[in-house]
C-alpha atoms as a PDB file:
ATOM      1  CA  MET A   1      22.242 -11.637  10.648  1.00  0.00           C
ATOM      2  CA  ALA A   2      18.771 -12.660   9.454  1.00  0.00           C
ATOM      3  CA  ILE A   3      19.725 -11.749   5.863  1.00  0.00           C
ATOM      4  CA  LEU A   4      22.834 -13.963   6.067  1.00  0.00           C
ATOM      5  CA  ILE A   5      20.811 -16.922   7.344  1.00  0.00           C
ATOM      6  CA  ALA A   6      18.143 -16.397   4.676  1.00  0.00           C
ATOM      7  CA  THR A   7      20.832 -16.221   1.979  1.00  0.00           C
ATOM      8  CA  LEU A   8      22.495 -19.416   3.215  1.00  0.00           C
ATOM      9  CA  LEU A   9      19.191 -21.271   3.392  1.00  0.00           C
ATOM     10  CA  GLY A  10      18.212 -20.043  -0.047  1.00  0.00           C
ATOM     11  CA  GLY A  11      21.568 -20.970  -1.552  1.00  0.00           C
ATOM     12  CA  CYS A  12      21.518 -24.458  -0.087  1.00  0.00           C
ATOM     13  CA  ASP A  13      17.804 -24.901  -0.716  1.00  0.00           C
ATOM     14  CA  LEU A  14      17.266 -26.158   2.837  1.00  0.00           C
ATOM     15  CA  ARG A  15      14.111 -24.218   3.467  1.00  0.00           C
ATOM     16  CA  ARG A  16      11.264 -26.013   5.192  1.00  0.00           C
ATOM     17  CA  GLY A  17       8.948 -27.701   2.710  1.00  0.00           C
ATOM     18  CA  SER A  18      11.495 -27.808  -0.103  1.00  0.00           C
ATOM     19  CA  ASP A  19      10.992 -30.721  -2.503  1.00  0.00           C
ATOM     20  CA  SER A  20      14.333 -30.447  -4.285  1.00  0.00           C
ATOM     21  CA  ASP A  21      15.491 -33.915  -3.132  1.00  0.00           C
ATOM     22  CA  SER A  22      12.399 -35.703  -4.420  1.00  0.00           C
ATOM     23  CA  SER A  23      13.615 -35.497  -8.036  1.00  0.00           C
ATOM     24  CA  GLU A  24      16.821 -37.376  -7.115  1.00  0.00           C
ATOM     25  CA  ILE A  25      15.005 -40.403  -5.682  1.00  0.00           C
ATOM     26  CA  PRO A  26      14.302 -42.986  -8.403  1.00  0.00           C
ATOM     27  CA  GLU A  27      10.771 -44.230  -8.786  1.00  0.00           C
ATOM     28  CA  ALA A  28       9.927 -47.752  -7.618  1.00  0.00           C
ATOM     29  CA  ALA A  29       9.264 -48.835 -11.210  1.00  0.00           C
ATOM     30  CA  VAL A  30      12.760 -47.744 -12.264  1.00  0.00           C
ATOM     31  CA  LEU A  31      14.263 -49.711  -9.383  1.00  0.00           C
ATOM     32  CA  GLN A  32      12.201 -52.787 -10.295  1.00  0.00           C
ATOM     33  CA  LYS A  33      13.421 -52.611 -13.909  1.00  0.00           C
ATOM     34  CA  ARG A  34      17.021 -52.260 -12.747  1.00  0.00           C
ATOM     35  CA  LEU A  35      16.608 -55.205 -10.375  1.00  0.00           C
ATOM     36  CA  ALA A  36      15.185 -57.365 -13.174  1.00  0.00           C
ATOM     37  CA  ALA A  37      18.078 -56.395 -15.474  1.00  0.00           C
ATOM     38  CA  LEU A  38      20.644 -57.232 -12.776  1.00  0.00           C
ATOM     39  CA  ARG A  39      19.016 -60.604 -12.114  1.00  0.00           C
ATOM     40  CA  LYS A  40      19.065 -61.416 -15.831  1.00  0.00           C
ATOM     41  CA  GLU A  41      22.724 -60.406 -16.096  1.00  0.00           C
ATOM     42  CA  ASN A  42      23.541 -62.499 -13.017  1.00  0.00           C
ATOM     43  CA  THR A  43      21.875 -65.554 -14.596  1.00  0.00           C
ATOM     44  CA  GLN A  44      23.820 -65.058 -17.825  1.00  0.00           C
ATOM     45  CA  LEU A  45      27.139 -64.679 -15.990  1.00  0.00           C
ATOM     46  CA  GLN A  46      26.438 -67.758 -13.876  1.00  0.00           C
ATOM     47  CA  ALA A  47      25.761 -69.759 -17.052  1.00  0.00           C
ATOM     48  CA  ARG A  48      29.099 -68.603 -18.515  1.00  0.00           C
ATOM     49  CA  ILE A  49      30.912 -69.641 -15.329  1.00  0.00           C
ATOM     50  CA  ASN A  50      29.198 -73.047 -15.302  1.00  0.00           C
ATOM     51  CA  LYS A  51      30.463 -73.715 -18.827  1.00  0.00           C
ATOM     52  CA  LEU A  52      34.044 -73.325 -17.567  1.00  0.00           C
ATOM     53  CA  ILE A  53      33.713 -75.973 -14.849  1.00  0.00           C
ATOM     54  CA  PRO A  54      35.187 -79.286 -16.028  1.00  0.00           C
ATOM     55  CA  LYS A  55      32.709 -82.187 -16.298  1.00  0.00           C
ATOM     56  CA  GLU A  56      35.289 -84.897 -15.582  1.00  0.00           C
ATOM     57  CA  PRO A  57      36.982 -85.362 -12.189  1.00  0.00           C
ATOM     58  CA  TYR A  58      40.158 -83.343 -11.691  1.00  0.00           C
ATOM     59  CA  ILE A  59      42.820 -82.739  -9.069  1.00  0.00           C
ATOM     60  CA  VAL A  60      43.477 -79.326  -7.499  1.00  0.00           C
ATOM     61  CA  ILE A  61      46.904 -78.771  -5.952  1.00  0.00           C
ATOM     62  CA  ASN A  62      47.295 -75.912  -3.504  1.00  0.00           C
ATOM     63  CA  THR A  63      51.046 -75.454  -3.211  1.00  0.00           C
ATOM     64  CA  THR A  64      50.712 -72.639  -0.674  1.00  0.00           C
ATOM     65  CA  LEU A  65      48.920 -74.800   1.898  1.00  0.00           C
ATOM     66  CA  ASN A  66      50.498 -78.025   0.607  1.00  0.00           C
ATOM     67  CA  ARG A  67      47.047 -79.579   0.097  1.00  0.00           C
ATOM     68  CA  LEU A  68      45.685 -81.919  -2.540  1.00  0.00           C
ATOM     69  CA  TYR A  69      41.994 -81.860  -3.525  1.00  0.00           C
ATOM     70  CA  PHE A  70      39.911 -84.161  -5.680  1.00  0.00           C
ATOM     71  CA  ALA A  71      37.058 -82.389  -7.469  1.00  0.00           C
ATOM     72  CA  ARG A  72      34.259 -82.990  -9.920  1.00  0.00           C
ATOM     73  CA  GLY A  73      31.890 -80.232 -10.949  1.00  0.00           C
ATOM     74  CA  THR A  74      31.431 -77.920  -7.972  1.00  0.00           C
ATOM     75  CA  ARG A  75      32.110 -80.625  -5.358  1.00  0.00           C
ATOM     76  CA  CYS A  76      35.593 -80.761  -3.903  1.00  0.00           C
ATOM     77  CA  PHE A  77      37.126 -83.102  -1.305  1.00  0.00           C
ATOM     78  CA  SER A  78      40.402 -82.717   0.496  1.00  0.00           C
ATOM     79  CA  MET A  79      42.345 -85.932  -0.012  1.00  0.00           C
ATOM     80  CA  ARG A  80      43.025 -85.951   3.732  1.00  0.00           C
ATOM     81  CA  SER A  81      39.429 -85.507   4.874  1.00  0.00           C
ATOM     82  CA  ALA A  82      37.470 -87.300   2.151  1.00  0.00           C
ATOM     83  CA  PRO A  83      36.409 -90.811   3.021  1.00  0.00           C
ATOM     84  CA  PRO A  84      37.610 -93.336   0.424  1.00  0.00           C
ATOM     85  CA  ALA A  85      34.007 -94.360  -0.282  1.00  0.00           C
ATOM     86  CA  ALA A  86      33.104 -90.791  -1.250  1.00  0.00           C
ATOM     87  CA  ILE A  87      35.863 -90.701  -3.851  1.00  0.00           C
ATOM     88  CA  ALA A  88      35.227 -94.272  -5.043  1.00  0.00           C
ATOM     89  CA  ASN A  89      31.534 -93.490  -5.722  1.00  0.00           C
ATOM     90  CA  TRP A  90      32.362 -90.662  -8.098  1.00  0.00           C
END
C-alpha cells in the first residue's frame, strides 16, 4: 500500500515541498507588460469606435420597443422623456 501511495504522489508530483507549480505562475513584470499592452489596445479600439459616432444630431428608431430617440455624439434622449429645452439647446 505504501508503494502505491508513493507511486501516485510521485506521478502527480504532489509531494510536500514540490515547486513544480512555481514555473507556471507568470512573473509580476510579465503581468505588468501584458496589462500595459491591453490598456494600449483598449485606447486604440476606443479611438476607432469614437470615429464611427456621428458628429451631427441623428434619430434612433427602436422598432421593437416602438421608441424614438434623438441623439448627438454619445448623448441620447428619448423623445418622450427629454424636455423640449434639452433638445432645443443642442
